[in-house]
N, C-alpha and C. Protein backbone atom coordinates (compact mmCIF):
# COMPACT_ATOMS: atom_id res chain seq x y z
N UNK A 1 20.80 4.18 10.66
CA UNK A 1 20.21 3.62 11.87
C UNK A 1 21.29 2.99 12.74
N UNK A 2 21.00 2.84 14.00
CA UNK A 2 21.94 2.27 14.96
C UNK A 2 21.28 1.08 15.65
N UNK A 3 21.89 -0.08 15.48
CA UNK A 3 21.33 -1.28 16.08
C UNK A 3 21.46 -1.22 17.60
N UNK A 4 20.40 -1.67 18.27
CA UNK A 4 20.36 -1.69 19.73
C UNK A 4 20.03 -3.11 20.17
N UNK A 5 21.05 -3.93 20.42
CA UNK A 5 20.77 -5.31 20.84
C UNK A 5 20.30 -5.36 22.29
N UNK A 6 19.07 -5.77 22.48
CA UNK A 6 18.55 -5.94 23.83
C UNK A 6 18.96 -7.30 24.39
N UNK A 7 18.86 -7.44 25.69
CA UNK A 7 19.24 -8.71 26.32
C UNK A 7 18.38 -9.85 25.80
N UNK A 8 17.08 -9.60 25.66
CA UNK A 8 16.20 -10.65 25.14
C UNK A 8 16.55 -11.00 23.69
N UNK A 9 16.95 -10.01 22.91
CA UNK A 9 17.34 -10.28 21.53
C UNK A 9 18.55 -11.20 21.47
N UNK A 10 19.54 -10.93 22.32
CA UNK A 10 20.74 -11.75 22.35
C UNK A 10 20.40 -13.19 22.73
N UNK A 11 19.54 -13.35 23.73
CA UNK A 11 19.16 -14.70 24.17
C UNK A 11 18.41 -15.43 23.05
N UNK A 12 17.52 -14.73 22.36
CA UNK A 12 16.75 -15.36 21.28
C UNK A 12 17.68 -15.82 20.16
N UNK A 13 18.61 -14.97 19.76
CA UNK A 13 19.50 -15.34 18.66
C UNK A 13 20.52 -16.40 19.07
N UNK A 14 20.88 -16.44 20.35
CA UNK A 14 21.71 -17.55 20.83
C UNK A 14 20.94 -18.86 20.74
N UNK A 15 19.66 -18.82 21.06
CA UNK A 15 18.83 -20.01 20.94
C UNK A 15 18.72 -20.45 19.47
N UNK A 16 18.58 -19.49 18.57
CA UNK A 16 18.53 -19.82 17.14
C UNK A 16 19.83 -20.45 16.69
N UNK A 17 20.96 -19.91 17.15
CA UNK A 17 22.25 -20.48 16.79
C UNK A 17 22.41 -21.90 17.32
N UNK A 18 21.92 -22.13 18.53
CA UNK A 18 22.00 -23.48 19.10
C UNK A 18 21.14 -24.46 18.30
N UNK A 19 19.95 -24.04 17.90
CA UNK A 19 19.08 -24.91 17.11
C UNK A 19 19.69 -25.19 15.74
N UNK A 20 20.30 -24.17 15.12
CA UNK A 20 20.95 -24.37 13.83
C UNK A 20 22.12 -25.34 13.94
N UNK A 21 22.90 -25.22 15.03
CA UNK A 21 24.01 -26.14 15.24
C UNK A 21 23.51 -27.58 15.45
N UNK A 22 22.37 -27.70 16.14
CA UNK A 22 21.81 -29.03 16.35
C UNK A 22 21.40 -29.68 15.04
N UNK A 23 20.75 -28.92 14.16
CA UNK A 23 20.31 -29.49 12.89
C UNK A 23 21.50 -29.81 11.97
N UNK A 24 22.55 -29.01 12.06
CA UNK A 24 23.76 -29.35 11.30
C UNK A 24 24.34 -30.68 11.79
N UNK A 25 24.31 -30.88 13.10
CA UNK A 25 24.79 -32.14 13.65
C UNK A 25 23.89 -33.31 13.26
N UNK A 26 22.56 -33.06 13.25
CA UNK A 26 21.61 -34.11 12.89
C UNK A 26 21.81 -34.56 11.45
N UNK A 27 22.11 -33.65 10.55
CA UNK A 27 22.28 -34.00 9.14
C UNK A 27 23.45 -34.95 8.94
N UNK A 28 24.39 -34.97 9.87
CA UNK A 28 25.55 -35.85 9.76
C UNK A 28 25.35 -37.17 10.50
N UNK A 29 24.21 -37.31 11.16
CA UNK A 29 23.92 -38.54 11.92
C UNK A 29 22.68 -39.20 11.34
N UNK A 30 22.84 -40.28 10.57
CA UNK A 30 21.67 -40.91 9.92
C UNK A 30 20.60 -41.37 10.90
N UNK A 31 21.00 -41.88 12.07
CA UNK A 31 20.01 -42.39 13.00
C UNK A 31 19.17 -41.26 13.62
N UNK A 32 19.68 -40.03 13.63
CA UNK A 32 18.91 -38.89 14.10
C UNK A 32 18.12 -38.22 12.97
N UNK A 33 18.60 -38.41 11.74
CA UNK A 33 17.95 -37.78 10.60
C UNK A 33 16.65 -38.48 10.20
N UNK A 34 16.59 -39.80 10.44
CA UNK A 34 15.41 -40.58 10.04
C UNK A 34 14.13 -40.07 10.70
N UNK A 35 14.08 -39.83 12.01
CA UNK A 35 12.83 -39.33 12.62
C UNK A 35 12.39 -37.98 12.05
N UNK A 36 13.34 -37.09 11.76
CA UNK A 36 12.98 -35.79 11.20
C UNK A 36 12.45 -35.92 9.79
N UNK A 37 12.95 -36.89 9.04
CA UNK A 37 12.41 -37.13 7.70
C UNK A 37 10.97 -37.62 7.78
N UNK A 38 10.67 -38.40 8.80
CA UNK A 38 9.29 -38.85 8.99
C UNK A 38 8.37 -37.68 9.29
N UNK A 39 8.88 -36.69 10.02
CA UNK A 39 8.09 -35.51 10.31
C UNK A 39 7.77 -34.74 9.03
N UNK A 40 8.76 -34.57 8.16
CA UNK A 40 8.54 -33.84 6.91
C UNK A 40 7.64 -34.60 5.94
N UNK A 41 7.53 -35.90 6.11
CA UNK A 41 6.66 -36.69 5.25
C UNK A 41 5.25 -36.83 5.80
N UNK A 42 5.01 -36.28 6.98
CA UNK A 42 3.70 -36.36 7.62
C UNK A 42 2.91 -35.08 7.35
N UNK A 43 1.64 -35.23 7.01
CA UNK A 43 0.80 -34.06 6.76
C UNK A 43 0.60 -33.24 8.04
N UNK A 44 0.40 -33.94 9.16
CA UNK A 44 0.24 -33.23 10.43
C UNK A 44 1.53 -32.52 10.83
N UNK A 45 2.65 -33.19 10.61
CA UNK A 45 3.93 -32.58 10.96
C UNK A 45 4.22 -31.34 10.13
N UNK A 46 3.94 -31.37 8.83
CA UNK A 46 4.18 -30.22 7.98
C UNK A 46 3.22 -29.08 8.30
N UNK A 47 1.98 -29.41 8.64
CA UNK A 47 1.02 -28.37 9.01
C UNK A 47 1.48 -27.65 10.28
N UNK A 48 1.91 -28.42 11.26
CA UNK A 48 2.42 -27.81 12.49
C UNK A 48 3.69 -27.01 12.22
N UNK A 49 4.52 -27.50 11.29
CA UNK A 49 5.76 -26.80 10.98
C UNK A 49 5.49 -25.45 10.32
N UNK A 50 4.48 -25.38 9.45
CA UNK A 50 4.13 -24.12 8.79
C UNK A 50 3.68 -23.08 9.82
N UNK A 51 2.82 -23.50 10.74
CA UNK A 51 2.35 -22.58 11.79
C UNK A 51 3.52 -22.14 12.66
N UNK A 52 4.39 -23.08 13.00
CA UNK A 52 5.55 -22.75 13.84
C UNK A 52 6.49 -21.78 13.15
N UNK A 53 6.69 -21.98 11.84
CA UNK A 53 7.58 -21.09 11.09
C UNK A 53 7.04 -19.67 11.07
N UNK A 54 5.73 -19.52 10.95
CA UNK A 54 5.13 -18.18 10.95
C UNK A 54 5.39 -17.48 12.27
N UNK A 55 5.15 -18.18 13.39
CA UNK A 55 5.36 -17.58 14.70
C UNK A 55 6.84 -17.28 14.94
N UNK A 56 7.71 -18.18 14.54
CA UNK A 56 9.15 -17.97 14.73
C UNK A 56 9.63 -16.78 13.90
N UNK A 57 9.14 -16.66 12.67
CA UNK A 57 9.54 -15.55 11.82
C UNK A 57 9.14 -14.21 12.43
N UNK A 58 7.91 -14.13 12.93
CA UNK A 58 7.47 -12.90 13.57
C UNK A 58 8.32 -12.60 14.81
N UNK A 59 8.62 -13.64 15.59
CA UNK A 59 9.43 -13.44 16.78
C UNK A 59 10.84 -12.97 16.46
N UNK A 60 11.44 -13.50 15.39
CA UNK A 60 12.78 -13.07 15.01
C UNK A 60 12.79 -11.65 14.47
N UNK A 61 11.77 -11.31 13.69
CA UNK A 61 11.69 -9.93 13.19
C UNK A 61 11.49 -8.93 14.34
N UNK A 62 10.86 -9.38 15.40
CA UNK A 62 10.65 -8.51 16.56
C UNK A 62 11.84 -8.55 17.51
N UNK A 63 12.88 -9.29 17.16
CA UNK A 63 14.08 -9.40 18.00
C UNK A 63 15.27 -8.68 17.38
N UNK A 64 15.01 -7.83 16.40
CA UNK A 64 16.05 -6.99 15.80
C UNK A 64 15.66 -5.54 16.05
N UNK A 65 16.29 -4.90 17.01
CA UNK A 65 15.94 -3.54 17.41
C UNK A 65 17.00 -2.54 16.95
N UNK A 66 16.54 -1.35 16.70
CA UNK A 66 17.44 -0.28 16.25
C UNK A 66 16.81 1.07 16.57
N UNK A 67 17.64 2.10 16.48
CA UNK A 67 17.18 3.48 16.62
C UNK A 67 17.30 4.17 15.27
N UNK A 68 16.21 4.63 14.69
CA UNK A 68 16.30 5.25 13.36
C UNK A 68 17.02 6.59 13.41
N UNK A 69 17.68 6.89 12.31
CA UNK A 69 18.40 8.16 12.21
C UNK A 69 17.43 9.30 11.93
N UNK A 70 17.69 10.45 12.54
CA UNK A 70 16.88 11.64 12.32
C UNK A 70 17.41 12.41 11.11
N UNK A 71 16.63 13.35 10.66
CA UNK A 71 17.05 14.16 9.52
C UNK A 71 18.28 14.99 9.90
N UNK A 72 19.26 14.93 9.03
CA UNK A 72 20.51 15.65 9.30
C UNK A 72 20.37 17.11 8.92
N UNK A 73 20.94 17.96 9.76
CA UNK A 73 20.96 19.39 9.49
C UNK A 73 22.37 19.79 9.06
N UNK A 74 22.43 20.87 8.36
CA UNK A 74 23.73 21.33 7.85
C UNK A 74 24.70 21.60 8.99
N UNK A 75 25.89 21.01 8.88
CA UNK A 75 26.92 21.23 9.89
C UNK A 75 26.79 20.38 11.12
N UNK A 76 25.85 19.47 11.15
CA UNK A 76 25.66 18.61 12.33
C UNK A 76 25.86 17.16 11.94
N UNK A 77 26.27 16.38 12.93
CA UNK A 77 26.46 14.95 12.71
C UNK A 77 25.14 14.21 12.72
N UNK A 78 25.25 12.90 12.54
CA UNK A 78 24.05 12.07 12.52
C UNK A 78 23.49 11.91 13.92
N UNK A 79 22.24 12.20 14.06
CA UNK A 79 21.54 12.04 15.34
C UNK A 79 20.51 10.94 15.20
N UNK A 80 20.30 10.22 16.29
CA UNK A 80 19.39 9.08 16.28
C UNK A 80 18.22 9.33 17.21
N UNK A 81 17.10 8.75 16.87
CA UNK A 81 15.90 8.91 17.67
C UNK A 81 16.05 8.19 19.01
N UNK A 82 15.34 8.67 20.00
CA UNK A 82 15.36 8.01 21.30
C UNK A 82 14.42 6.81 21.33
N UNK A 83 13.56 6.69 20.32
CA UNK A 83 12.62 5.57 20.25
C UNK A 83 13.30 4.36 19.63
N UNK A 84 13.20 3.23 20.30
CA UNK A 84 13.78 1.98 19.81
C UNK A 84 12.69 1.18 19.10
N UNK A 85 12.94 0.86 17.85
CA UNK A 85 11.98 0.11 17.06
C UNK A 85 12.56 -1.23 16.66
N UNK A 86 11.69 -2.13 16.26
CA UNK A 86 12.11 -3.42 15.73
C UNK A 86 11.73 -3.50 14.26
N UNK A 87 12.26 -4.49 13.57
CA UNK A 87 11.94 -4.67 12.15
C UNK A 87 10.44 -4.94 11.99
N UNK A 88 9.88 -5.69 12.93
CA UNK A 88 8.46 -5.98 12.86
C UNK A 88 7.63 -4.71 13.07
N UNK A 89 8.13 -3.77 13.89
CA UNK A 89 7.43 -2.50 14.07
C UNK A 89 7.34 -1.74 12.75
N UNK A 90 8.38 -1.81 11.95
CA UNK A 90 8.38 -1.11 10.67
C UNK A 90 7.40 -1.78 9.71
N UNK A 91 7.38 -3.12 9.70
CA UNK A 91 6.46 -3.83 8.82
C UNK A 91 5.01 -3.54 9.20
N UNK A 92 4.76 -3.45 10.51
CA UNK A 92 3.40 -3.20 11.00
C UNK A 92 3.17 -1.72 11.29
N UNK A 93 3.87 -0.85 10.57
CA UNK A 93 3.72 0.59 10.81
C UNK A 93 2.29 1.08 10.65
N UNK A 94 1.53 0.62 9.64
CA UNK A 94 0.14 1.10 9.55
C UNK A 94 -0.69 0.81 10.81
N UNK A 95 -0.47 -0.35 11.41
CA UNK A 95 -1.21 -0.68 12.63
C UNK A 95 -0.71 0.12 13.82
N UNK A 96 0.57 0.45 13.81
CA UNK A 96 1.16 1.17 14.93
C UNK A 96 0.87 2.66 14.87
N UNK A 97 0.82 3.21 13.68
CA UNK A 97 0.64 4.66 13.53
C UNK A 97 -0.82 5.08 13.46
N UNK A 98 -1.68 4.22 12.91
CA UNK A 98 -3.08 4.59 12.73
C UNK A 98 -3.88 4.24 13.99
N UNK A 99 -3.74 5.07 14.97
CA UNK A 99 -4.42 4.84 16.24
C UNK A 99 -5.63 5.75 16.36
N UNK A 100 -6.65 5.20 16.99
CA UNK A 100 -7.87 5.97 17.27
C UNK A 100 -7.85 6.44 18.72
N UNK A 101 -8.67 7.41 19.01
CA UNK A 101 -8.72 7.94 20.38
C UNK A 101 -9.42 7.01 21.34
N UNK A 102 -10.43 6.29 20.85
CA UNK A 102 -11.20 5.39 21.70
C UNK A 102 -11.37 4.05 20.99
N UNK A 103 -11.96 3.11 21.72
CA UNK A 103 -12.24 1.80 21.15
C UNK A 103 -13.42 1.90 20.18
N UNK A 104 -13.53 0.91 19.33
CA UNK A 104 -14.65 0.84 18.39
C UNK A 104 -14.96 -0.62 18.12
N UNK A 105 -16.15 -0.89 17.61
CA UNK A 105 -16.54 -2.25 17.27
C UNK A 105 -15.78 -2.71 16.03
N UNK A 106 -15.65 -4.03 15.83
CA UNK A 106 -14.97 -4.52 14.62
C UNK A 106 -15.67 -4.04 13.35
N UNK A 107 -14.88 -3.60 12.38
CA UNK A 107 -15.36 -3.11 11.08
C UNK A 107 -16.25 -1.88 11.21
N UNK A 108 -16.15 -1.17 12.32
CA UNK A 108 -16.98 0.01 12.52
C UNK A 108 -16.38 1.22 11.82
N UNK A 109 -17.21 2.20 11.57
CA UNK A 109 -16.77 3.48 11.00
C UNK A 109 -16.92 4.62 11.99
N UNK A 110 -17.53 4.32 13.13
CA UNK A 110 -17.70 5.35 14.16
C UNK A 110 -17.25 4.82 15.52
N UNK A 111 -16.93 5.71 16.41
CA UNK A 111 -16.41 5.35 17.73
C UNK A 111 -17.47 4.63 18.55
N UNK A 112 -17.01 4.00 19.64
CA UNK A 112 -17.90 3.19 20.47
C UNK A 112 -18.69 4.05 21.46
N UNK A 113 -18.17 5.20 21.82
CA UNK A 113 -18.82 6.07 22.81
C UNK A 113 -19.19 7.41 22.17
N UNK A 114 -20.21 8.02 22.72
CA UNK A 114 -20.65 9.33 22.23
C UNK A 114 -19.70 10.43 22.71
N UNK A 115 -19.60 11.46 21.90
CA UNK A 115 -18.81 12.63 22.26
C UNK A 115 -19.60 13.89 21.88
N UNK A 116 -19.22 14.98 22.49
CA UNK A 116 -19.87 16.25 22.17
C UNK A 116 -19.25 16.83 20.91
N UNK A 117 -20.07 16.98 19.88
CA UNK A 117 -19.61 17.50 18.60
C UNK A 117 -20.32 18.78 18.27
N UNK A 118 -19.65 19.62 17.52
CA UNK A 118 -20.24 20.87 17.05
C UNK A 118 -20.65 20.69 15.59
N UNK A 119 -21.95 20.80 15.33
CA UNK A 119 -22.49 20.59 13.99
C UNK A 119 -23.23 21.84 13.54
N UNK A 120 -22.98 22.22 12.31
CA UNK A 120 -23.64 23.40 11.76
C UNK A 120 -25.01 23.02 11.22
N UNK A 121 -26.03 23.68 11.69
CA UNK A 121 -27.39 23.40 11.28
C UNK A 121 -27.74 24.04 9.95
N UNK A 122 -28.97 23.75 9.46
CA UNK A 122 -29.41 24.34 8.18
C UNK A 122 -29.45 25.86 8.20
N UNK A 123 -29.67 26.44 9.40
CA UNK A 123 -29.73 27.89 9.50
C UNK A 123 -28.37 28.54 9.63
N UNK A 124 -27.31 27.73 9.59
CA UNK A 124 -25.96 28.27 9.70
C UNK A 124 -25.44 28.37 11.11
N UNK A 125 -26.27 28.10 12.08
CA UNK A 125 -25.82 28.16 13.46
C UNK A 125 -25.13 26.87 13.87
N UNK A 126 -24.13 26.99 14.70
CA UNK A 126 -23.38 25.83 15.20
C UNK A 126 -23.97 25.41 16.54
N UNK A 127 -24.32 24.17 16.64
CA UNK A 127 -24.89 23.66 17.88
C UNK A 127 -24.12 22.42 18.33
N UNK A 128 -24.19 22.16 19.60
CA UNK A 128 -23.49 21.01 20.18
C UNK A 128 -24.46 19.84 20.33
N UNK A 129 -24.02 18.66 19.90
CA UNK A 129 -24.84 17.45 19.98
C UNK A 129 -23.96 16.31 20.49
N UNK A 130 -24.63 15.34 21.10
CA UNK A 130 -23.95 14.13 21.55
C UNK A 130 -24.09 13.09 20.45
N UNK A 131 -22.98 12.71 19.86
CA UNK A 131 -23.01 11.83 18.70
C UNK A 131 -21.80 10.90 18.72
N UNK A 132 -21.94 9.78 18.01
CA UNK A 132 -20.80 8.88 17.84
C UNK A 132 -19.89 9.46 16.75
N UNK A 133 -18.69 9.91 17.10
CA UNK A 133 -17.83 10.56 16.10
C UNK A 133 -17.29 9.55 15.08
N UNK A 134 -17.04 10.02 13.89
CA UNK A 134 -16.49 9.19 12.84
C UNK A 134 -15.03 8.88 13.14
N UNK A 135 -14.64 7.64 12.91
CA UNK A 135 -13.26 7.24 13.16
C UNK A 135 -12.32 7.94 12.18
N UNK A 136 -11.11 8.13 12.63
CA UNK A 136 -10.12 8.82 11.79
C UNK A 136 -9.62 7.93 10.67
N UNK A 137 -9.45 6.63 10.99
CA UNK A 137 -8.89 5.71 10.00
C UNK A 137 -9.89 4.65 9.56
N UNK A 138 -10.73 4.19 10.45
CA UNK A 138 -11.69 3.15 10.10
C UNK A 138 -12.73 3.64 9.10
N UNK A 139 -12.72 3.05 7.92
CA UNK A 139 -13.66 3.46 6.88
C UNK A 139 -13.37 4.80 6.28
N UNK A 140 -12.13 5.29 6.41
CA UNK A 140 -11.79 6.61 5.88
C UNK A 140 -11.85 6.64 4.35
N UNK A 141 -11.71 5.49 3.71
CA UNK A 141 -11.72 5.43 2.25
C UNK A 141 -13.15 5.41 1.68
N UNK A 142 -14.14 5.26 2.54
CA UNK A 142 -15.52 5.19 2.08
C UNK A 142 -16.09 6.60 1.88
N UNK A 143 -16.68 6.83 0.75
CA UNK A 143 -17.34 8.11 0.51
C UNK A 143 -18.69 8.16 1.22
N UNK A 144 -19.33 7.00 1.33
CA UNK A 144 -20.64 6.92 2.00
C UNK A 144 -20.60 5.74 2.97
N UNK A 145 -20.98 5.98 4.23
CA UNK A 145 -20.92 4.93 5.23
C UNK A 145 -21.89 3.79 4.95
N UNK A 146 -22.89 4.04 4.14
CA UNK A 146 -23.84 2.97 3.82
C UNK A 146 -23.20 1.86 2.99
N UNK A 147 -22.06 2.13 2.40
CA UNK A 147 -21.37 1.11 1.60
C UNK A 147 -20.42 0.26 2.41
N UNK A 148 -20.52 0.33 3.74
CA UNK A 148 -19.60 -0.43 4.60
C UNK A 148 -19.76 -1.94 4.41
N UNK A 149 -21.00 -2.45 4.37
CA UNK A 149 -21.21 -3.89 4.21
C UNK A 149 -20.66 -4.40 2.89
N UNK A 150 -20.89 -3.66 1.81
CA UNK A 150 -20.38 -4.07 0.50
C UNK A 150 -18.85 -4.06 0.49
N UNK A 151 -18.26 -3.06 1.12
CA UNK A 151 -16.80 -2.98 1.17
C UNK A 151 -16.22 -4.15 1.95
N UNK A 152 -16.84 -4.52 3.06
CA UNK A 152 -16.37 -5.67 3.85
C UNK A 152 -16.45 -6.95 3.03
N UNK A 153 -17.57 -7.13 2.29
CA UNK A 153 -17.74 -8.32 1.48
C UNK A 153 -16.69 -8.40 0.37
N UNK A 154 -16.43 -7.28 -0.30
CA UNK A 154 -15.45 -7.27 -1.39
C UNK A 154 -14.06 -7.59 -0.86
N UNK A 155 -13.68 -6.98 0.25
CA UNK A 155 -12.36 -7.23 0.82
C UNK A 155 -12.22 -8.67 1.33
N UNK A 156 -13.30 -9.22 1.88
CA UNK A 156 -13.26 -10.61 2.33
C UNK A 156 -13.08 -11.57 1.15
N UNK A 157 -13.77 -11.30 0.05
CA UNK A 157 -13.64 -12.14 -1.13
C UNK A 157 -12.24 -12.03 -1.74
N UNK A 158 -11.68 -10.82 -1.76
CA UNK A 158 -10.31 -10.66 -2.26
C UNK A 158 -9.31 -11.40 -1.38
N UNK A 159 -9.50 -11.31 -0.07
CA UNK A 159 -8.61 -12.04 0.84
C UNK A 159 -8.73 -13.54 0.67
N UNK A 160 -9.97 -14.03 0.48
CA UNK A 160 -10.17 -15.45 0.27
C UNK A 160 -9.54 -15.91 -1.04
N UNK A 161 -9.67 -15.10 -2.09
CA UNK A 161 -9.07 -15.46 -3.38
C UNK A 161 -7.56 -15.48 -3.29
N UNK A 162 -6.98 -14.49 -2.63
CA UNK A 162 -5.52 -14.45 -2.49
C UNK A 162 -5.02 -15.61 -1.65
N UNK A 163 -5.71 -15.90 -0.54
CA UNK A 163 -5.31 -17.02 0.30
C UNK A 163 -5.42 -18.35 -0.43
N UNK A 164 -6.48 -18.52 -1.23
CA UNK A 164 -6.64 -19.76 -2.01
C UNK A 164 -5.52 -19.90 -3.05
N UNK A 165 -5.18 -18.79 -3.69
CA UNK A 165 -4.11 -18.83 -4.69
C UNK A 165 -2.78 -19.23 -4.05
N UNK A 166 -2.45 -18.62 -2.92
CA UNK A 166 -1.20 -18.96 -2.24
C UNK A 166 -1.22 -20.41 -1.79
N UNK A 167 -2.38 -20.88 -1.30
CA UNK A 167 -2.48 -22.27 -0.84
C UNK A 167 -2.27 -23.23 -2.00
N UNK A 168 -2.87 -22.97 -3.14
CA UNK A 168 -2.71 -23.85 -4.29
C UNK A 168 -1.27 -23.85 -4.80
N UNK A 169 -0.62 -22.71 -4.77
CA UNK A 169 0.78 -22.64 -5.20
C UNK A 169 1.66 -23.48 -4.28
N UNK A 170 1.48 -23.31 -2.96
CA UNK A 170 2.29 -24.07 -2.01
C UNK A 170 1.98 -25.56 -2.08
N UNK A 171 0.69 -25.91 -2.21
CA UNK A 171 0.31 -27.32 -2.31
C UNK A 171 0.86 -27.95 -3.59
N UNK A 172 0.83 -27.20 -4.70
CA UNK A 172 1.39 -27.72 -5.95
C UNK A 172 2.89 -27.90 -5.86
N UNK A 173 3.58 -26.95 -5.23
CA UNK A 173 5.04 -27.07 -5.08
C UNK A 173 5.39 -28.26 -4.20
N UNK A 174 4.62 -28.46 -3.12
CA UNK A 174 4.88 -29.60 -2.24
C UNK A 174 4.61 -30.92 -2.95
N UNK A 175 3.51 -31.00 -3.69
CA UNK A 175 3.20 -32.23 -4.42
C UNK A 175 4.25 -32.52 -5.49
N UNK A 176 4.73 -31.48 -6.16
CA UNK A 176 5.78 -31.67 -7.17
C UNK A 176 7.07 -32.16 -6.52
N UNK A 177 7.40 -31.62 -5.35
CA UNK A 177 8.62 -32.05 -4.66
C UNK A 177 8.51 -33.50 -4.20
N UNK A 178 7.35 -33.88 -3.69
CA UNK A 178 7.17 -35.26 -3.25
C UNK A 178 7.20 -36.22 -4.43
N UNK A 179 6.65 -35.81 -5.57
CA UNK A 179 6.68 -36.67 -6.75
C UNK A 179 8.10 -36.89 -7.23
N UNK A 180 8.92 -35.84 -7.21
CA UNK A 180 10.33 -35.98 -7.62
C UNK A 180 11.08 -36.88 -6.64
N UNK A 181 10.81 -36.71 -5.34
CA UNK A 181 11.50 -37.54 -4.34
C UNK A 181 11.14 -39.01 -4.51
N UNK A 182 9.86 -39.31 -4.76
CA UNK A 182 9.44 -40.70 -4.94
C UNK A 182 10.02 -41.29 -6.23
N UNK A 183 10.08 -40.48 -7.27
CA UNK A 183 10.65 -40.97 -8.53
C UNK A 183 12.13 -41.28 -8.37
N UNK A 184 12.84 -40.40 -7.65
CA UNK A 184 14.26 -40.63 -7.43
C UNK A 184 14.49 -41.86 -6.57
N UNK A 185 13.65 -42.04 -5.54
CA UNK A 185 13.81 -43.22 -4.68
C UNK A 185 13.48 -44.49 -5.44
N UNK A 186 12.50 -44.46 -6.34
CA UNK A 186 12.12 -45.64 -7.11
C UNK A 186 13.17 -46.01 -8.15
N UNK A 187 13.92 -44.99 -8.62
CA UNK A 187 14.92 -45.22 -9.66
C UNK A 187 16.24 -45.72 -9.09
N UNK A 188 16.42 -45.70 -7.78
CA UNK A 188 17.67 -46.14 -7.19
C UNK A 188 17.82 -47.65 -7.36
N UNK A 189 19.07 -48.13 -7.58
CA UNK A 189 19.28 -49.58 -7.68
C UNK A 189 18.90 -50.27 -6.38
N UNK A 190 18.18 -51.36 -6.53
CA UNK A 190 17.77 -52.13 -5.36
C UNK A 190 16.49 -51.63 -4.73
N UNK A 191 15.88 -50.58 -5.36
CA UNK A 191 14.64 -50.06 -4.78
C UNK A 191 13.51 -51.07 -4.87
N UNK A 192 13.59 -51.93 -5.89
CA UNK A 192 12.55 -52.94 -6.06
C UNK A 192 12.97 -54.29 -5.49
N UNK A 193 14.03 -54.30 -4.70
CA UNK A 193 14.52 -55.58 -4.18
C UNK A 193 13.52 -56.23 -3.24
N UNK A 194 12.64 -55.36 -2.66
CA UNK A 194 11.66 -55.90 -1.73
C UNK A 194 10.50 -56.57 -2.44
N UNK A 195 10.42 -56.41 -3.78
CA UNK A 195 9.32 -57.03 -4.50
C UNK A 195 9.48 -58.54 -4.54
N UNK A 196 8.40 -59.26 -4.61
CA UNK A 196 8.42 -60.72 -4.60
C UNK A 196 8.91 -61.24 -5.95
N UNK A 197 9.91 -62.10 -5.94
CA UNK A 197 10.45 -62.66 -7.17
C UNK A 197 9.59 -63.84 -7.61
N UNK A 198 9.45 -64.04 -8.93
CA UNK A 198 8.65 -65.19 -9.40
C UNK A 198 9.32 -66.50 -9.04
N UNK A 199 8.53 -67.48 -8.67
CA UNK A 199 9.06 -68.80 -8.27
C UNK A 199 9.58 -69.56 -9.48
N UNK A 200 10.67 -70.30 -9.27
CA UNK A 200 11.24 -71.10 -10.35
C UNK A 200 10.37 -72.32 -10.59
N UNK A 201 10.36 -72.83 -11.84
CA UNK A 201 9.56 -74.02 -12.12
C UNK A 201 9.97 -75.19 -11.23
N UNK A 202 9.01 -75.81 -10.60
CA UNK A 202 9.27 -76.96 -9.75
C UNK A 202 9.74 -76.62 -8.37
N UNK A 203 9.95 -75.30 -8.08
CA UNK A 203 10.42 -74.91 -6.76
C UNK A 203 9.25 -74.79 -5.81
N UNK A 204 9.45 -75.10 -4.53
CA UNK A 204 8.37 -74.97 -3.55
C UNK A 204 8.03 -73.49 -3.33
N UNK A 205 6.88 -73.24 -2.72
CA UNK A 205 6.45 -71.86 -2.44
C UNK A 205 7.44 -71.17 -1.53
């Protein structure tokens, strides 16, 4: 493949480099590091950071463009496609390649508009009818369209189970990290210096 850096890609990665340089500078400045530590210790801040990381990751993957190499023939050099793709295009290839001719309703198995179809009747004759054609990709794995509702329910439950599992793993890892950080901070000398010392006998309050 041959990388094709677009102008927007260069600007995006320059911005990423500037942000990385800023955080490297912040790590060396305690007075700038304290506010960022408060953000990481805040539930709202971490929630916003997770959403931001997802969007930034997608944006960066879509900012790496290249031209894929074509199949080489005997005696010829490497030739590249005229189509410029991004890394995100490759990841989302099923969505990009599985296109329908017309629009359809969500979770539908048939097109939104009627088309003229040729159907063979019981007598063997082919006749033309106006019908909603079956989608090429939507519900293609179903042997019977009547099982569409059950298939949607099963896939929704699997998605919910997978999402719950990932959430519990991330929440457990975060809780474990916070517990270690608190234990380390509590074990430092002078961590309990703020605690109230017992009064000496005969001493005023």
